[in-house]
Amino acid sequence: MPETLKVTQIGIAHTHANNALAAASRPVTKQLNMEMAGIYEPDPDMWEARHKRPEYADIPKFDSVDQILNDPSIKAVFIQTWPWECLYWARLALQAGKHIHLDKPPGLSLPMLKELYALAASKGLFIQMGYMWRFNAGFEWAQKAVKDGLIGRVTFARFRAGSVPEYWNRNHVHQFPGGIMQEESCHLFDQAAAMFGRPDKITPILRSDARGFEGMPPGVDNAIVIMEYEKQGAMAVIEATGTESDPGPHRHAEIHGLEGSIVLQPIEPPAIDLCLRQDKGEYRKGWQKIAVENRPRYTLDLVEFAGVIRGEISPRFTPEHDLIAHETLIRACGGVMPAGK
């Protein structure tokens, strides 16, 4: 059994804050010998509003962030504040020598995120981005199939992940310049960056069409982003809307190459249809179902987090990839960009 890895959490405002608590409850964390040492929530009102939830019942509360920063036994921090505040808290954790899991999207400033990665590199620390589908078995299979050339040169990909109006209000989505596209579909920019890299041209269509539906404040609630890749001869489209009724079953990705197509729908639990123009290896011509594991979110993220911190493995995603994904998101949706961008 490896030495106990003590981790903690700053913030419970993020929509995925409860997932970070997996470090205190999931069976895999026992195998990894991870221990959630406690939580610091900087906003007393936020703590009062949410701390009575069952998932927080047995987690100690820190009264000061210094209790985390000044404790050498705590090796890593989950940053689960509002995304527009996350870079501040992430910097404090890195300056104190802590590895971090930084939930999505990582702020609204590309220059500040670049500085964060430079700081981490100078201290030999790991920043793991909290994009929830990085280790999704469906996307994992599709990305590998594209990389291996199973469907030939990819010319078109389409990604979709919307949400319901209640999510809009609960997570203050209107505070993002790109609204639902920036908050919800950032996961898909991560996938597009893994598949294609940096786009040469981005055309965003960001609209506010709900107009007060169920109390939704003004903001981008209906959006399409078109990304063009000249070298690859390809295009990718990301779609998002904030007024869906039951988005889960039709969240999807479709990827079309010169020799075949992949459709992932739904994303969770992952269901894959593959079509090939000709037999290839173990796969036959025409449409066929591909069985993949229904893997709980964040399971392999935790495995990677612990393994990288302990020096046992290398991260699957590089800082360069993370910065391209965020640069693309900022270019499409808005934020603070360097001069000339």
C-alpha atoms as a PDB file:
ATOM      1  CA  MET A   1       0.000   0.000   0.000  1.00  0.00           C
ATOM      2  CA  PRO A   2       1.456   3.393  -0.982  1.00  0.00           C
ATOM      3  CA  GLU A   3       1.838   6.162   1.572  1.00  0.00           C
ATOM      4  CA  THR A   4      -1.418   8.009   2.337  1.00  0.00           C
ATOM      5  CA  LEU A   5      -2.009  10.890  -0.062  1.00  0.00           C
ATOM      6  CA  LYS A   6      -3.725  13.690   1.855  1.00  0.00           C
ATOM      7  CA  VAL A   7      -5.799  15.990  -0.328  1.00  0.00           C
ATOM      8  CA  THR A   8      -8.209  18.785   0.453  1.00  0.00           C
ATOM      9  CA  GLN A   9     -10.674  21.069  -1.281  1.00  0.00           C
ATOM     10  CA  ILE A  10     -11.085  24.811  -1.690  1.00  0.00           C
ATOM     11  CA  GLY A  11     -14.657  25.777  -2.499  1.00  0.00           C
ATOM     12  CA  ILE A  12     -18.024  24.044  -2.809  1.00  0.00           C
ATOM     13  CA  ALA A  13     -19.625  26.497  -5.270  1.00  0.00           C
ATOM     14  CA  HIS A  14     -18.641  24.670  -8.468  1.00  0.00           C
ATOM     15  CA  THR A  15     -21.250  22.477 -10.099  1.00  0.00           C
ATOM     16  CA  HIS A  16     -18.804  19.548  -9.847  1.00  0.00           C
ATOM     17  CA  ALA A  17     -17.682  20.229  -6.287  1.00  0.00           C
ATOM     18  CA  ASN A  18     -19.290  17.047  -5.034  1.00  0.00           C
ATOM     19  CA  ASN A  19     -17.289  14.963  -7.496  1.00  0.00           C
ATOM     20  CA  ALA A  20     -14.069  16.055  -5.824  1.00  0.00           C
ATOM     21  CA  LEU A  21     -15.391  14.480  -2.644  1.00  0.00           C
ATOM     22  CA  ALA A  22     -14.993  11.168  -4.441  1.00  0.00           C
ATOM     23  CA  ALA A  23     -11.549  11.220  -2.854  1.00  0.00           C
ATOM     24  CA  ALA A  24     -13.263  10.586   0.467  1.00  0.00           C
ATOM     25  CA  SER A  25     -15.825   7.988  -0.554  1.00  0.00           C
ATOM     26  CA  ARG A  26     -15.159   5.941  -3.685  1.00  0.00           C
ATOM     27  CA  PRO A  27     -13.747   2.431  -3.468  1.00  0.00           C
ATOM     28  CA  VAL A  28     -10.961   3.367  -5.888  1.00  0.00           C
ATOM     29  CA  THR A  29      -9.656   5.981  -3.451  1.00  0.00           C
ATOM     30  CA  LYS A  30      -9.181   3.304  -0.823  1.00  0.00           C
ATOM     31  CA  GLN A  31      -7.073   1.380  -3.311  1.00  0.00           C
ATOM     32  CA  LEU A  32      -5.129   4.562  -4.017  1.00  0.00           C
ATOM     33  CA  ASN A  33      -4.881   5.319  -0.284  1.00  0.00           C
ATOM     34  CA  MET A  34      -6.176   8.865  -0.714  1.00  0.00           C
ATOM     35  CA  GLU A  35      -7.625  10.796   2.212  1.00  0.00           C
ATOM     36  CA  MET A  36      -9.823  13.921   2.029  1.00  0.00           C
ATOM     37  CA  ALA A  37      -8.465  16.028   4.890  1.00  0.00           C
ATOM     38  CA  GLY A  38     -11.105  18.760   4.769  1.00  0.00           C
ATOM     39  CA  ILE A  39     -12.735  21.667   2.962  1.00  0.00           C
ATOM     40  CA  TYR A  40     -12.275  25.416   3.024  1.00  0.00           C
ATOM     41  CA  GLU A  41     -15.150  27.473   1.603  1.00  0.00           C
ATOM     42  CA  PRO A  42     -14.263  31.188   1.380  1.00  0.00           C
ATOM     43  CA  ASP A  43     -17.907  32.359   1.296  1.00  0.00           C
ATOM     44  CA  PRO A  44     -19.728  31.840   4.641  1.00  0.00           C
ATOM     45  CA  ASP A  45     -23.104  32.175   2.907  1.00  0.00           C
ATOM     46  CA  MET A  46     -22.202  29.462   0.429  1.00  0.00           C
ATOM     47  CA  TRP A  47     -21.115  27.164   3.237  1.00  0.00           C
ATOM     48  CA  GLU A  48     -24.339  27.832   5.138  1.00  0.00           C
ATOM     49  CA  ALA A  49     -26.407  27.106   2.046  1.00  0.00           C
ATOM     50  CA  ARG A  50     -24.751  23.815   1.105  1.00  0.00           C
ATOM     51  CA  HIS A  51     -22.802  22.251   3.974  1.00  0.00           C
ATOM     52  CA  LYS A  52     -25.789  20.255   5.254  1.00  0.00           C
ATOM     53  CA  ARG A  53     -25.819  18.093   2.152  1.00  0.00           C
ATOM     54  CA  PRO A  54     -25.112  14.433   2.980  1.00  0.00           C
ATOM     55  CA  GLU A  55     -21.845  14.332   1.035  1.00  0.00           C
ATOM     56  CA  TYR A  56     -20.318  16.935   3.375  1.00  0.00           C
ATOM     57  CA  ALA A  57     -21.445  15.267   6.602  1.00  0.00           C
ATOM     58  CA  ASP A  58     -18.147  13.622   7.563  1.00  0.00           C
ATOM     59  CA  ILE A  59     -15.736  16.097   5.950  1.00  0.00           C
ATOM     60  CA  PRO A  60     -13.889  18.457   8.326  1.00  0.00           C
ATOM     61  CA  LYS A  61     -14.215  22.187   7.677  1.00  0.00           C
ATOM     62  CA  PHE A  62     -11.184  24.489   7.704  1.00  0.00           C
ATOM     63  CA  ASP A  63     -11.760  27.993   9.084  1.00  0.00           C
ATOM     64  CA  SER A  64      -8.852  29.481   7.150  1.00  0.00           C
ATOM     65  CA  VAL A  65      -7.168  28.678   3.847  1.00  0.00           C
ATOM     66  CA  ASP A  66      -3.856  28.949   5.721  1.00  0.00           C
ATOM     67  CA  GLN A  67      -4.705  25.673   7.454  1.00  0.00           C
ATOM     68  CA  ILE A  68      -4.346  24.067   4.041  1.00  0.00           C
ATOM     69  CA  LEU A  69      -1.504  26.130   2.633  1.00  0.00           C
ATOM     70  CA  ASN A  70       0.704  25.817   5.712  1.00  0.00           C
ATOM     71  CA  ASP A  71       0.213  22.073   6.243  1.00  0.00           C
ATOM     72  CA  PRO A  72       3.062  20.164   4.563  1.00  0.00           C
ATOM     73  CA  SER A  73       1.216  16.863   4.956  1.00  0.00           C
ATOM     74  CA  ILE A  74      -1.450  18.050   2.474  1.00  0.00           C
ATOM     75  CA  LYS A  75      -0.041  17.332  -0.986  1.00  0.00           C
ATOM     76  CA  ALA A  76      -2.887  18.312  -3.288  1.00  0.00           C
ATOM     77  CA  VAL A  77      -5.954  20.548  -3.518  1.00  0.00           C
ATOM     78  CA  PHE A  78      -9.167  20.273  -5.514  1.00  0.00           C
ATOM     79  CA  ILE A  79     -10.102  23.804  -6.675  1.00  0.00           C
ATOM     80  CA  GLN A  80     -13.925  23.842  -6.693  1.00  0.00           C
ATOM     81  CA  THR A  81     -14.789  27.532  -6.411  1.00  0.00           C
ATOM     82  CA  TRP A  82     -16.825  29.469  -8.955  1.00  0.00           C
ATOM     83  CA  PRO A  83     -14.821  29.172 -12.199  1.00  0.00           C
ATOM     84  CA  TRP A  84     -14.350  32.944 -12.458  1.00  0.00           C
ATOM     85  CA  GLU A  85     -12.554  32.845  -9.071  1.00  0.00           C
ATOM     86  CA  CYS A  86     -10.588  29.629  -9.517  1.00  0.00           C
ATOM     87  CA  LEU A  87      -7.282  31.021 -10.811  1.00  0.00           C
ATOM     88  CA  TYR A  88      -6.764  33.082  -7.655  1.00  0.00           C
ATOM     89  CA  TRP A  89      -7.160  30.079  -5.370  1.00  0.00           C
ATOM     90  CA  ALA A  90      -5.184  27.829  -7.699  1.00  0.00           C
ATOM     91  CA  ARG A  91      -2.249  30.222  -7.578  1.00  0.00           C
ATOM     92  CA  LEU A  92      -2.277  30.244  -3.758  1.00  0.00           C
ATOM     93  CA  ALA A  93      -2.227  26.439  -3.704  1.00  0.00           C
ATOM     94  CA  LEU A  94       0.622  26.181  -6.224  1.00  0.00           C
ATOM     95  CA  GLN A  95       2.653  28.850  -4.429  1.00  0.00           C
ATOM     96  CA  ALA A  96       2.297  26.740  -1.286  1.00  0.00           C
ATOM     97  CA  GLY A  97       3.693  23.707  -3.123  1.00  0.00           C
ATOM     98  CA  LYS A  98       0.423  21.814  -3.653  1.00  0.00           C
ATOM     99  CA  HIS A  99      -0.584  19.869  -6.740  1.00  0.00           C
ATOM    100  CA  ILE A 100      -4.043  20.890  -7.955  1.00  0.00           C
ATOM    101  CA  HIS A 101      -7.115  19.509  -9.666  1.00  0.00           C
ATOM    102  CA  LEU A 102      -8.545  22.608 -11.375  1.00  0.00           C
ATOM    103  CA  ASP A 103     -12.168  22.306 -12.344  1.00  0.00           C
ATOM    104  CA  LYS A 104     -13.589  23.603 -15.564  1.00  0.00           C
ATOM    105  CA  PRO A 105     -13.477  26.058 -17.262  1.00  0.00           C
ATOM    106  CA  PRO A 106     -10.207  27.360 -15.790  1.00  0.00           C
ATOM    107  CA  GLY A 107     -11.136  31.032 -15.451  1.00  0.00           C
ATOM    108  CA  LEU A 108     -11.611  33.639 -18.151  1.00  0.00           C
ATOM    109  CA  SER A 109      -8.004  34.679 -18.765  1.00  0.00           C
ATOM    110  CA  LEU A 110      -5.598  32.841 -21.032  1.00  0.00           C
ATOM    111  CA  PRO A 111      -2.559  34.871 -19.847  1.00  0.00           C
ATOM    112  CA  MET A 112      -3.336  34.046 -16.206  1.00  0.00           C
ATOM    113  CA  LEU A 113      -3.708  30.349 -17.003  1.00  0.00           C
ATOM    114  CA  LYS A 114      -0.373  30.390 -18.843  1.00  0.00           C
ATOM    115  CA  GLU A 115       1.228  31.970 -15.772  1.00  0.00           C
ATOM    116  CA  LEU A 116      -0.318  29.249 -13.627  1.00  0.00           C
ATOM    117  CA  TYR A 117       1.238  26.493 -15.756  1.00  0.00           C
ATOM    118  CA  ALA A 118       4.588  28.272 -15.702  1.00  0.00           C
ATOM    119  CA  LEU A 119       4.405  28.451 -11.906  1.00  0.00           C
ATOM    120  CA  ALA A 120       3.528  24.749 -11.680  1.00  0.00           C
ATOM    121  CA  ALA A 121       6.430  23.828 -13.980  1.00  0.00           C
ATOM    122  CA  SER A 122       8.884  25.878 -11.932  1.00  0.00           C
ATOM    123  CA  LYS A 123       7.865  23.982  -8.792  1.00  0.00           C
ATOM    124  CA  GLY A 124       7.479  20.530 -10.341  1.00  0.00           C
ATOM    125  CA  LEU A 125       3.751  20.459  -9.610  1.00  0.00           C
ATOM    126  CA  PHE A 126       0.863  18.880 -11.504  1.00  0.00           C
ATOM    127  CA  ILE A 127      -2.243  20.707 -12.722  1.00  0.00           C
ATOM    128  CA  GLN A 128      -5.009  18.271 -13.632  1.00  0.00           C
ATOM    129  CA  MET A 129      -7.912  19.819 -15.521  1.00  0.00           C
ATOM    130  CA  GLY A 130     -11.376  18.751 -14.439  1.00  0.00           C
ATOM    131  CA  TYR A 131     -12.903  18.017 -17.831  1.00  0.00           C
ATOM    132  CA  MET A 132     -15.289  15.208 -16.927  1.00  0.00           C
ATOM    133  CA  TRP A 133     -15.136  13.283 -20.220  1.00  0.00           C
ATOM    134  CA  ARG A 134     -11.357  12.949 -20.548  1.00  0.00           C
ATOM    135  CA  PHE A 135     -11.546   9.373 -19.334  1.00  0.00           C
ATOM    136  CA  ASN A 136     -15.034   8.610 -20.632  1.00  0.00           C
ATOM    137  CA  ALA A 137     -14.694   5.200 -22.320  1.00  0.00           C
ATOM    138  CA  GLY A 138     -16.705   6.312 -25.361  1.00  0.00           C
ATOM    139  CA  PHE A 139     -14.588   9.357 -26.086  1.00  0.00           C
ATOM    140  CA  GLU A 140     -11.474   7.362 -25.228  1.00  0.00           C
ATOM    141  CA  TRP A 141     -12.355   4.754 -27.867  1.00  0.00           C
ATOM    142  CA  ALA A 142     -13.302   7.353 -30.469  1.00  0.00           C
ATOM    143  CA  GLN A 143     -10.148   9.418 -29.981  1.00  0.00           C
ATOM    144  CA  LYS A 144      -7.970   6.300 -30.305  1.00  0.00           C
ATOM    145  CA  ALA A 145      -9.868   5.172 -33.416  1.00  0.00           C
ATOM    146  CA  VAL A 146      -9.253   8.556 -35.054  1.00  0.00           C
ATOM    147  CA  LYS A 147      -5.582   8.562 -34.052  1.00  0.00           C
ATOM    148  CA  ASP A 148      -5.111   5.020 -35.383  1.00  0.00           C
ATOM    149  CA  GLY A 149      -6.693   5.942 -38.716  1.00  0.00           C
ATOM    150  CA  LEU A 150      -9.641   3.572 -38.417  1.00  0.00           C
ATOM    151  CA  ILE A 151     -12.002   5.948 -40.259  1.00  0.00           C
ATOM    152  CA  GLY A 152      -9.341   7.581 -42.418  1.00  0.00           C
ATOM    153  CA  ARG A 153      -8.682  11.313 -42.513  1.00  0.00           C
ATOM    154  CA  VAL A 154     -11.365  13.070 -40.498  1.00  0.00           C
ATOM    155  CA  THR A 155     -13.102  15.910 -42.329  1.00  0.00           C
ATOM    156  CA  PHE A 156     -15.997  16.735 -40.013  1.00  0.00           C
ATOM    157  CA  ALA A 157     -16.888  16.357 -36.329  1.00  0.00           C
ATOM    158  CA  ARG A 158     -19.954  17.534 -34.450  1.00  0.00           C
ATOM    159  CA  PHE A 159     -20.284  17.709 -30.674  1.00  0.00           C
ATOM    160  CA  ARG A 160     -23.387  18.537 -28.646  1.00  0.00           C
ATOM    161  CA  ALA A 161     -24.057  18.976 -24.918  1.00  0.00           C
ATOM    162  CA  GLY A 162     -26.852  21.240 -23.726  1.00  0.00           C
ATOM    163  CA  SER A 163     -28.603  21.602 -20.402  1.00  0.00           C
ATOM    164  CA  VAL A 164     -31.882  22.457 -18.672  1.00  0.00           C
ATOM    165  CA  PRO A 165     -33.041  25.934 -17.525  1.00  0.00           C
ATOM    166  CA  GLU A 166     -32.673  24.984 -13.843  1.00  0.00           C
ATOM    167  CA  TYR A 167     -28.949  24.453 -14.402  1.00  0.00           C
ATOM    168  CA  TRP A 168     -28.694  27.977 -15.822  1.00  0.00           C
ATOM    169  CA  ASN A 169     -29.873  29.613 -12.594  1.00  0.00           C
ATOM    170  CA  ARG A 170     -28.256  27.198 -10.162  1.00  0.00           C
ATOM    171  CA  ASN A 171     -24.790  27.705 -11.602  1.00  0.00           C
ATOM    172  CA  HIS A 172     -24.978  31.395 -12.567  1.00  0.00           C
ATOM    173  CA  VAL A 173     -24.239  30.461 -16.173  1.00  0.00           C
ATOM    174  CA  HIS A 174     -25.163  33.974 -17.326  1.00  0.00           C
ATOM    175  CA  GLN A 175     -21.939  35.287 -15.731  1.00  0.00           C
ATOM    176  CA  PHE A 176     -19.867  33.703 -18.497  1.00  0.00           C
ATOM    177  CA  PRO A 177     -19.421  35.804 -21.664  1.00  0.00           C
ATOM    178  CA  GLY A 178     -20.220  32.662 -23.654  1.00  0.00           C
ATOM    179  CA  GLY A 179     -22.990  31.521 -21.325  1.00  0.00           C
ATOM    180  CA  ILE A 180     -24.001  27.888 -21.780  1.00  0.00           C
ATOM    181  CA  MET A 181     -21.356  27.293 -24.459  1.00  0.00           C
ATOM    182  CA  GLN A 182     -18.553  28.341 -22.131  1.00  0.00           C
ATOM    183  CA  GLU A 183     -19.803  26.700 -18.940  1.00  0.00           C
ATOM    184  CA  GLU A 184     -21.280  23.465 -20.229  1.00  0.00           C
ATOM    185  CA  SER A 185     -19.583  22.742 -23.552  1.00  0.00           C
ATOM    186  CA  CYS A 186     -16.017  23.514 -22.451  1.00  0.00           C
ATOM    187  CA  HIS A 187     -15.727  19.721 -22.123  1.00  0.00           C
ATOM    188  CA  LEU A 188     -16.221  19.459 -25.866  1.00  0.00           C
ATOM    189  CA  PHE A 189     -13.587  22.072 -26.676  1.00  0.00           C
ATOM    190  CA  ASP A 190     -11.250  19.772 -24.740  1.00  0.00           C
ATOM    191  CA  GLN A 191     -12.229  16.864 -26.999  1.00  0.00           C
ATOM    192  CA  ALA A 192     -11.914  18.938 -30.177  1.00  0.00           C
ATOM    193  CA  ALA A 193      -8.439  20.099 -29.121  1.00  0.00           C
ATOM    194  CA  ALA A 194      -7.400  16.477 -28.550  1.00  0.00           C
ATOM    195  CA  MET A 195      -8.652  15.499 -32.000  1.00  0.00           C
ATOM    196  CA  PHE A 196      -7.572  18.472 -34.133  1.00  0.00           C
ATOM    197  CA  GLY A 197      -5.342  20.823 -32.148  1.00  0.00           C
ATOM    198  CA  ARG A 198      -5.596  24.603 -32.572  1.00  0.00           C
ATOM    199  CA  PRO A 199      -8.193  25.820 -35.104  1.00  0.00           C
ATOM    200  CA  ASP A 200      -7.212  28.282 -37.805  1.00  0.00           C
ATOM    201  CA  LYS A 201     -10.587  30.000 -37.852  1.00  0.00           C
ATOM    202  CA  ILE A 202     -13.431  30.177 -35.338  1.00  0.00           C
ATOM    203  CA  THR A 203     -16.950  31.398 -36.104  1.00  0.00           C
ATOM    204  CA  PRO A 204     -19.163  31.677 -33.010  1.00  0.00           C
ATOM    205  CA  ILE A 205     -22.908  32.257 -33.054  1.00  0.00           C
ATOM    206  CA  LEU A 206     -23.840  33.232 -29.505  1.00  0.00           C
ATOM    207  CA  ARG A 207     -27.503  34.101 -28.951  1.00  0.00           C
ATOM    208  CA  SER A 208     -29.864  34.890 -26.088  1.00  0.00           C
ATOM    209  CA  ASP A 209     -33.201  33.394 -27.087  1.00  0.00           C
ATOM    210  CA  ALA A 210     -34.868  32.200 -23.873  1.00  0.00           C
ATOM    211  CA  ARG A 211     -35.940  35.774 -23.024  1.00  0.00           C
ATOM    212  CA  GLY A 212     -36.921  35.239 -19.433  1.00  0.00           C
ATOM    213  CA  PHE A 213     -38.028  31.613 -19.687  1.00  0.00           C
ATOM    214  CA  GLU A 214     -38.534  30.350 -16.112  1.00  0.00           C
ATOM    215  CA  GLY A 215     -36.642  33.316 -14.726  1.00  0.00           C
ATOM    216  CA  MET A 216     -33.472  32.845 -16.776  1.00  0.00           C
ATOM    217  CA  PRO A 217     -31.511  36.131 -16.756  1.00  0.00           C
ATOM    218  CA  PRO A 218     -30.174  37.450 -20.091  1.00  0.00           C
ATOM    219  CA  GLY A 219     -27.117  35.663 -21.398  1.00  0.00           C
ATOM    220  CA  VAL A 220     -25.931  33.264 -24.091  1.00  0.00           C
ATOM    221  CA  ASP A 221     -28.363  30.351 -23.947  1.00  0.00           C
ATOM    222  CA  ASN A 222     -28.359  29.233 -27.600  1.00  0.00           C
ATOM    223  CA  ALA A 223     -25.028  28.804 -29.365  1.00  0.00           C
ATOM    224  CA  ILE A 224     -23.034  27.199 -32.160  1.00  0.00           C
ATOM    225  CA  VAL A 225     -19.271  27.413 -32.671  1.00  0.00           C
ATOM    226  CA  ILE A 226     -17.697  26.430 -36.005  1.00  0.00           C
ATOM    227  CA  MET A 227     -13.967  25.663 -36.035  1.00  0.00           C
ATOM    228  CA  GLU A 228     -11.942  25.258 -39.223  1.00  0.00           C
ATOM    229  CA  TYR A 229      -8.625  23.397 -39.546  1.00  0.00           C
ATOM    230  CA  GLU A 230      -6.909  24.190 -42.823  1.00  0.00           C
ATOM    231  CA  LYS A 231      -3.983  21.741 -42.575  1.00  0.00           C
ATOM    232  CA  GLN A 232      -6.227  18.784 -41.803  1.00  0.00           C
ATOM    233  CA  GLY A 233      -8.899  19.862 -44.283  1.00  0.00           C
ATOM    234  CA  ALA A 234     -11.486  19.554 -41.528  1.00  0.00           C
ATOM    235  CA  MET A 235     -14.200  21.349 -39.624  1.00  0.00           C
ATOM    236  CA  ALA A 236     -15.690  20.821 -36.170  1.00  0.00           C
ATOM    237  CA  VAL A 237     -18.981  22.148 -34.809  1.00  0.00           C
ATOM    238  CA  ILE A 238     -19.971  22.466 -31.151  1.00  0.00           C
ATOM    239  CA  GLU A 239     -23.618  23.079 -30.232  1.00  0.00           C
ATOM    240  CA  ALA A 240     -25.155  24.082 -26.899  1.00  0.00           C
ATOM    241  CA  THR A 241     -28.487  25.329 -25.623  1.00  0.00           C
ATOM    242  CA  GLY A 242     -29.653  26.070 -22.093  1.00  0.00           C
ATOM    243  CA  THR A 243     -33.347  25.314 -22.549  1.00  0.00           C
ATOM    244  CA  GLU A 244     -33.474  21.575 -23.157  1.00  0.00           C
ATOM    245  CA  SER A 245     -35.900  19.289 -21.344  1.00  0.00           C
ATOM    246  CA  ASP A 246     -33.847  16.106 -20.983  1.00  0.00           C
ATOM    247  CA  PRO A 247     -30.423  16.572 -22.602  1.00  0.00           C
ATOM    248  CA  GLY A 248     -28.623  13.450 -21.382  1.00  0.00           C
ATOM    249  CA  PRO A 249     -29.910  10.919 -23.947  1.00  0.00           C
ATOM    250  CA  HIS A 250     -28.897  13.030 -26.945  1.00  0.00           C
ATOM    251  CA  ARG A 251     -25.595  14.490 -25.839  1.00  0.00           C
ATOM    252  CA  HIS A 252     -23.374  13.176 -28.550  1.00  0.00           C
ATOM    253  CA  ALA A 253     -20.384  13.301 -30.844  1.00  0.00           C
ATOM    254  CA  GLU A 254     -20.243  12.296 -34.478  1.00  0.00           C
ATOM    255  CA  ILE A 255     -16.952  12.016 -36.347  1.00  0.00           C
ATOM    256  CA  HIS A 256     -16.769  11.491 -40.114  1.00  0.00           C
ATOM    257  CA  GLY A 257     -13.676  10.406 -42.012  1.00  0.00           C
ATOM    258  CA  LEU A 258     -13.009   9.406 -45.599  1.00  0.00           C
ATOM    259  CA  GLU A 259     -13.183   5.725 -44.663  1.00  0.00           C
ATOM    260  CA  GLY A 260     -15.894   5.655 -42.024  1.00  0.00           C
ATOM    261  CA  SER A 261     -17.947   7.334 -39.323  1.00  0.00           C
ATOM    262  CA  ILE A 262     -18.245   7.151 -35.533  1.00  0.00           C
ATOM    263  CA  VAL A 263     -21.355   8.206 -33.599  1.00  0.00           C
ATOM    264  CA  LEU A 264     -21.197   8.393 -29.805  1.00  0.00           C
ATOM    265  CA  GLN A 265     -24.725   8.797 -28.413  1.00  0.00           C
ATOM    266  CA  PRO A 266     -25.378   9.115 -25.611  1.00  0.00           C
ATOM    267  CA  ILE A 267     -22.073  10.141 -24.105  1.00  0.00           C
ATOM    268  CA  GLU A 268     -23.170   8.738 -20.744  1.00  0.00           C
ATOM    269  CA  PRO A 269     -23.568   5.806 -20.603  1.00  0.00           C
ATOM    270  CA  PRO A 270     -21.429   5.627 -23.737  1.00  0.00           C
ATOM    271  CA  ALA A 271     -22.960   3.950 -26.787  1.00  0.00           C
ATOM    272  CA  ILE A 272     -20.962   3.808 -30.014  1.00  0.00           C
ATOM    273  CA  ASP A 273     -22.035   3.083 -33.590  1.00  0.00           C
ATOM    274  CA  LEU A 274     -19.243   2.576 -36.136  1.00  0.00           C
ATOM    275  CA  CYS A 275     -19.648   2.511 -39.913  1.00  0.00           C
ATOM    276  CA  LEU A 276     -16.822   1.515 -42.268  1.00  0.00           C
ATOM    277  CA  ARG A 277     -16.682   1.621 -46.047  1.00  0.00           C
ATOM    278  CA  GLN A 278     -14.632  -1.599 -46.095  1.00  0.00           C
ATOM    279  CA  ASP A 279     -13.660  -4.354 -43.648  1.00  0.00           C
ATOM    280  CA  LYS A 280     -10.745  -3.244 -41.531  1.00  0.00           C
ATOM    281  CA  GLY A 281      -9.034  -5.452 -38.929  1.00  0.00           C
ATOM    282  CA  GLU A 282     -11.585  -6.758 -36.453  1.00  0.00           C
ATOM    283  CA  TYR A 283     -14.302  -4.451 -37.801  1.00  0.00           C
ATOM    284  CA  ARG A 284     -16.563  -5.176 -40.769  1.00  0.00           C
ATOM    285  CA  LYS A 285     -17.981  -3.035 -43.534  1.00  0.00           C
ATOM    286  CA  GLY A 286     -21.173  -1.145 -42.620  1.00  0.00           C
ATOM    287  CA  TRP A 287     -22.777  -0.204 -39.323  1.00  0.00           C
ATOM    288  CA  GLN A 288     -21.968  -2.047 -36.107  1.00  0.00           C
ATOM    289  CA  LYS A 289     -22.252  -1.516 -32.350  1.00  0.00           C
ATOM    290  CA  ILE A 290     -19.071  -1.058 -30.312  1.00  0.00           C
ATOM    291  CA  ALA A 291     -19.303  -2.103 -26.674  1.00  0.00           C
ATOM    292  CA  VAL A 292     -17.368   0.033 -24.190  1.00  0.00           C
ATOM    293  CA  GLU A 293     -17.263   0.258 -20.416  1.00  0.00           C
ATOM    294  CA  ASN A 294     -19.762   2.457 -18.556  1.00  0.00           C
ATOM    295  CA  ARG A 295     -17.124   4.031 -16.355  1.00  0.00           C
ATOM    296  CA  PRO A 296     -18.125   6.357 -13.491  1.00  0.00           C
ATOM    297  CA  ARG A 297     -16.970   9.948 -13.911  1.00  0.00           C
ATOM    298  CA  TYR A 298     -13.624  10.867 -12.355  1.00  0.00           C
ATOM    299  CA  THR A 299     -12.545   7.308 -11.500  1.00  0.00           C
ATOM    300  CA  LEU A 300      -9.534   7.278 -13.819  1.00  0.00           C
ATOM    301  CA  ASP A 301      -8.981  10.986 -13.169  1.00  0.00           C
ATOM    302  CA  LEU A 302      -8.312  10.070  -9.533  1.00  0.00           C
ATOM    303  CA  VAL A 303      -6.050   7.206 -10.576  1.00  0.00           C
ATOM    304  CA  GLU A 304      -4.069   9.598 -12.773  1.00  0.00           C
ATOM    305  CA  PHE A 305      -3.987  12.325 -10.112  1.00  0.00           C
ATOM    306  CA  ALA A 306      -2.532  10.010  -7.483  1.00  0.00           C
ATOM    307  CA  GLY A 307      -0.165   8.305  -9.912  1.00  0.00           C
ATOM    308  CA  VAL A 308       1.316  11.537 -11.271  1.00  0.00           C
ATOM    309  CA  ILE A 309       1.754  13.033  -7.810  1.00  0.00           C
ATOM    310  CA  ARG A 310       3.552   9.892  -6.649  1.00  0.00           C
ATOM    311  CA  GLY A 311       5.773   9.908  -9.731  1.00  0.00           C
ATOM    312  CA  GLU A 312       4.441   6.584 -10.993  1.00  0.00           C
ATOM    313  CA  ILE A 313       2.962   7.753 -14.324  1.00  0.00           C
ATOM    314  CA  SER A 314       2.943  10.718 -16.693  1.00  0.00           C
ATOM    315  CA  PRO A 315      -0.207  12.776 -17.335  1.00  0.00           C
ATOM    316  CA  ARG A 316      -2.247  11.790 -20.361  1.00  0.00           C
ATOM    317  CA  PHE A 317      -2.852  15.438 -21.290  1.00  0.00           C
ATOM    318  CA  THR A 318      -0.027  17.953 -21.571  1.00  0.00           C
ATOM    319  CA  PRO A 319      -0.024  21.604 -20.464  1.00  0.00           C
ATOM    320  CA  GLU A 320       0.217  22.501 -24.142  1.00  0.00           C
ATOM    321  CA  HIS A 321      -3.029  20.666 -24.824  1.00  0.00           C
ATOM    322  CA  ASP A 322      -4.769  22.311 -21.863  1.00  0.00           C
ATOM    323  CA  LEU A 323      -3.728  25.770 -23.047  1.00  0.00           C
ATOM    324  CA  ILE A 324      -4.884  25.132 -26.629  1.00  0.00           C
ATOM    325  CA  ALA A 325      -8.266  23.952 -25.336  1.00  0.00           C
ATOM    326  CA  HIS A 326      -8.658  27.064 -23.192  1.00  0.00           C
ATOM    327  CA  GLU A 327      -7.370  29.425 -25.863  1.00  0.00           C
ATOM    328  CA  THR A 328      -9.955  28.019 -28.268  1.00  0.00           C
ATOM    329  CA  LEU A 329     -12.722  28.395 -25.677  1.00  0.00           C
ATOM    330  CA  ILE A 330     -11.741  32.022 -25.021  1.00  0.00           C
ATOM    331  CA  ARG A 331     -11.529  32.798 -28.746  1.00  0.00           C
ATOM    332  CA  ALA A 332     -15.000  31.362 -29.251  1.00  0.00           C
ATOM    333  CA  CYS A 333     -16.771  32.667 -26.173  1.00  0.00           C
ATOM    334  CA  GLY A 334     -14.892  35.636 -24.772  1.00  0.00           C
ATOM    335  CA  GLY A 335     -12.707  36.481 -21.804  1.00  0.00           C
ATOM    336  CA  VAL A 336      -9.484  38.330 -21.146  1.00  0.00           C
ATOM    337  CA  MET A 337      -7.045  37.721 -23.996  1.00  0.00           C
ATOM    338  CA  PRO A 338      -3.524  39.053 -24.655  1.00  0.00           C
ATOM    339  CA  ALA A 339      -3.116  42.196 -26.769  1.00  0.00           C
ATOM    340  CA  GLY A 340      -3.721  41.475 -30.417  1.00  0.00           C
ATOM    341  CA  LYS A 341      -5.835  38.381 -29.794  1.00  0.00           C
END
